Amino acid sequence: MKHILIRIVVAMALGLGLSAPSQADDAADIQTTLDALYAVISGPVGQARDFEHMRTLFVDGAAMGAVSAGDSGNGAGRIITLDQYIERSGPWLVENGFVERETRNEIDVWGEIASVRSAYEGVNGVTGEVFLIGVNFITLYKIEGEWKIASILWRTETEDWPISAAFE
């Protein structure tokens, strides 16, 4: 009898629209955030980036960083804030032009937490040539109904670490 009562309460809640959004809806919303992230850092030579919009995509205190094998092969990296990224990379993006485009991703959602592996290629703003490929590892969480970026770590592809290895 207890199990039947629980099922009735659950069914009523679902009928009243009290169920959580589907993971498919969350994945679509996360993809929208990713698309906005790639769009805000991309542009031709001389085009200012909308860093105020970029800030709306991130939570306060978000971390960013590049990781590599390092000189000794034991790993190296540096974590910076969003404001440090804007200060360091902003002028370079405008002076050189840069387009970063996503080539594939995998989105994993668990409740209000999401993890994304997002392969990218960086395109030179002058020549149009792809000069950089790698994977962004992005952590997001849902706060007040919106998916916000909490962290991004990225690594460029090497012979030892091909893009495909991030998606196995």
Protein backbone atom coordinates (compact mmCIF):
# COMPACT_ATOMS: atom_id res chain seq x y z
CA MET A 1 0.00 0.00 0.00
CA LYS A 2 2.85 2.39 0.85
CA HIS A 3 4.39 1.90 -2.62
CA ILE A 4 1.07 2.63 -4.31
CA LEU A 5 0.69 5.87 -2.33
CA ILE A 6 4.21 6.96 -3.32
CA ARG A 7 3.45 6.24 -6.97
CA ILE A 8 0.22 8.27 -6.77
CA VAL A 9 2.05 11.24 -5.22
CA VAL A 10 4.79 11.05 -7.88
CA ALA A 11 2.22 10.79 -10.66
CA MET A 12 0.34 13.79 -9.28
CA ALA A 13 3.54 15.81 -9.07
CA LEU A 14 4.40 14.95 -12.65
CA GLY A 15 0.90 15.86 -13.76
CA LEU A 16 1.18 19.23 -12.05
CA GLY A 17 4.37 20.06 -13.94
CA LEU A 18 6.57 19.70 -10.89
CA SER A 19 9.05 17.42 -12.60
CA ALA A 20 12.63 18.46 -13.32
CA PRO A 21 13.48 19.56 -16.88
CA SER A 22 14.77 16.82 -19.12
CA GLN A 23 18.46 16.31 -19.67
CA ALA A 24 17.84 16.99 -23.37
CA ASP A 25 16.58 20.49 -22.48
CA ASP A 26 19.59 21.01 -20.23
CA ALA A 27 21.98 19.85 -22.97
CA ALA A 28 20.40 22.31 -25.41
CA ASP A 29 20.73 25.15 -22.89
CA ILE A 30 24.35 24.19 -22.21
CA GLN A 31 25.05 24.14 -25.94
CA THR A 32 23.64 27.67 -26.17
CA THR A 33 26.09 28.76 -23.46
CA LEU A 34 28.98 27.07 -25.29
CA ASP A 35 28.02 28.71 -28.57
CA ALA A 36 27.96 32.09 -26.82
CA LEU A 37 31.38 31.43 -25.29
CA TYR A 38 32.97 30.60 -28.64
CA ALA A 39 31.24 33.54 -30.32
CA VAL A 40 32.36 36.12 -27.76
CA ILE A 41 36.08 35.38 -28.14
CA SER A 42 35.90 35.08 -31.93
CA GLY A 43 36.17 37.90 -34.42
CA PRO A 44 38.25 39.53 -37.13
CA VAL A 45 41.26 41.77 -36.67
CA GLY A 46 40.22 45.07 -35.08
CA GLN A 47 36.89 43.88 -33.69
CA ALA A 48 36.48 44.51 -29.97
CA ARG A 49 35.11 41.57 -28.01
CA ASP A 50 32.05 41.94 -25.80
CA PHE A 51 33.69 41.02 -22.52
CA GLU A 52 30.74 42.31 -20.50
CA HIS A 53 28.64 39.65 -22.23
CA MET A 54 31.39 37.11 -21.59
CA ARG A 55 31.22 37.87 -17.87
CA THR A 56 27.50 36.98 -17.87
CA LEU A 57 28.38 33.45 -19.01
CA PHE A 58 30.57 32.77 -15.96
CA VAL A 59 30.03 32.54 -12.21
CA ASP A 60 31.95 34.89 -9.95
CA GLY A 61 35.34 33.39 -9.18
CA ALA A 62 35.41 31.14 -12.25
CA ALA A 63 38.79 29.62 -13.10
CA MET A 64 40.47 29.29 -16.49
CA GLY A 65 43.74 27.74 -17.49
CA ALA A 66 45.94 26.13 -20.07
CA VAL A 67 47.54 22.78 -19.32
CA SER A 68 50.41 21.07 -21.13
CA ALA A 69 52.93 18.29 -20.70
CA GLY A 70 55.50 20.83 -19.53
CA ASP A 71 59.24 20.74 -20.10
CA SER A 72 59.80 17.62 -18.01
CA GLY A 73 56.66 15.83 -19.17
CA ASN A 74 55.14 15.88 -15.69
CA GLY A 75 52.46 18.42 -16.47
CA ALA A 76 52.35 22.19 -16.31
CA GLY A 77 49.67 24.81 -16.24
CA ARG A 78 48.46 28.04 -14.83
CA ILE A 79 45.07 28.98 -13.44
CA ILE A 80 43.79 32.51 -13.99
CA THR A 81 40.57 34.37 -13.38
CA LEU A 82 38.23 35.53 -16.11
CA ASP A 83 39.39 39.12 -15.61
CA GLN A 84 43.03 38.04 -15.98
CA TYR A 85 42.11 36.21 -19.20
CA ILE A 86 40.40 39.33 -20.55
CA GLU A 87 43.36 41.53 -19.56
CA ARG A 88 45.95 39.20 -21.10
CA SER A 89 44.13 37.87 -24.15
CA GLY A 90 41.74 40.70 -25.00
CA PRO A 91 44.25 42.93 -26.78
CA TRP A 92 45.76 39.95 -28.63
CA LEU A 93 42.34 38.81 -29.88
CA VAL A 94 41.65 42.26 -31.33
CA GLU A 95 45.14 42.81 -32.78
CA ASN A 96 45.44 39.41 -34.41
CA GLY A 97 41.90 38.32 -35.07
CA PHE A 98 40.95 34.87 -33.89
CA VAL A 99 38.09 32.48 -34.37
CA GLU A 100 37.66 29.51 -32.11
CA ARG A 101 35.08 27.03 -33.31
CA GLU A 102 33.81 23.90 -31.70
CA THR A 103 34.29 20.74 -33.74
CA ARG A 104 32.57 18.26 -31.42
CA ASN A 105 31.57 17.85 -27.82
CA GLU A 106 30.20 15.52 -25.19
CA ILE A 107 27.93 16.95 -22.54
CA ASP A 108 27.37 15.06 -19.29
CA VAL A 109 24.64 16.35 -16.98
CA TRP A 110 23.95 15.24 -13.47
CA GLY A 111 21.26 17.34 -11.86
CA GLU A 112 22.51 20.91 -11.77
CA ILE A 113 26.11 19.98 -12.63
CA ALA A 114 27.49 19.56 -16.13
CA SER A 115 30.83 18.59 -17.57
CA VAL A 116 31.67 19.20 -21.21
CA ARG A 117 34.53 18.01 -23.37
CA SER A 118 34.59 20.43 -26.27
CA ALA A 119 37.07 19.96 -29.11
CA TYR A 120 38.01 23.17 -30.88
CA GLU A 121 40.09 24.62 -33.63
CA GLY A 122 41.63 28.07 -33.58
CA VAL A 123 41.66 29.98 -36.84
CA ASN A 124 44.11 32.78 -37.64
CA GLY A 125 42.18 36.00 -38.20
CA VAL A 126 44.43 37.13 -41.05
CA THR A 127 45.19 33.97 -43.01
CA GLY A 128 42.10 31.90 -42.18
CA GLU A 129 44.35 28.94 -41.42
CA VAL A 130 43.71 26.56 -38.54
CA PHE A 131 46.78 26.91 -36.33
CA LEU A 132 45.60 25.39 -33.09
CA ILE A 133 43.45 22.43 -32.10
CA GLY A 134 42.68 21.09 -28.68
CA VAL A 135 40.03 20.29 -26.10
CA ASN A 136 38.33 22.54 -23.57
CA PHE A 137 37.17 20.81 -20.39
CA ILE A 138 34.31 22.96 -19.13
CA THR A 139 32.43 22.66 -15.85
CA LEU A 140 29.07 24.38 -15.52
CA TYR A 141 26.34 24.49 -12.96
CA LYS A 142 22.75 25.59 -13.07
CA ILE A 143 21.97 28.53 -10.87
CA GLU A 144 18.62 30.29 -10.85
CA GLY A 145 17.64 28.41 -14.02
CA GLU A 146 20.74 29.33 -16.05
CA TRP A 147 23.82 27.29 -16.90
CA LYS A 148 26.95 29.23 -15.92
CA ILE A 149 30.58 28.33 -16.50
CA ALA A 150 32.53 27.57 -13.32
CA SER A 151 35.81 26.54 -14.95
CA ILE A 152 37.57 25.91 -18.23
CA LEU A 153 40.84 24.06 -18.64
CA TRP A 154 42.24 23.55 -22.12
CA ARG A 155 44.98 21.53 -23.68
CA THR A 156 46.23 21.56 -27.24
CA GLU A 157 46.54 18.37 -29.22
CA THR A 158 49.90 16.63 -29.41
CA GLU A 159 51.02 13.40 -31.00
CA ASP A 160 50.73 11.71 -27.60
CA TRP A 161 47.33 13.24 -26.90
CA PRO A 162 45.19 13.32 -30.06
CA ILE A 163 41.72 14.88 -29.89
CA SER A 164 40.13 11.47 -30.29
CA ALA A 165 41.63 10.35 -26.97
CA ALA A 166 39.46 12.88 -25.12
CA PHE A 167 36.33 11.23 -26.51
CA GLU A 168 37.06 7.55 -25.89
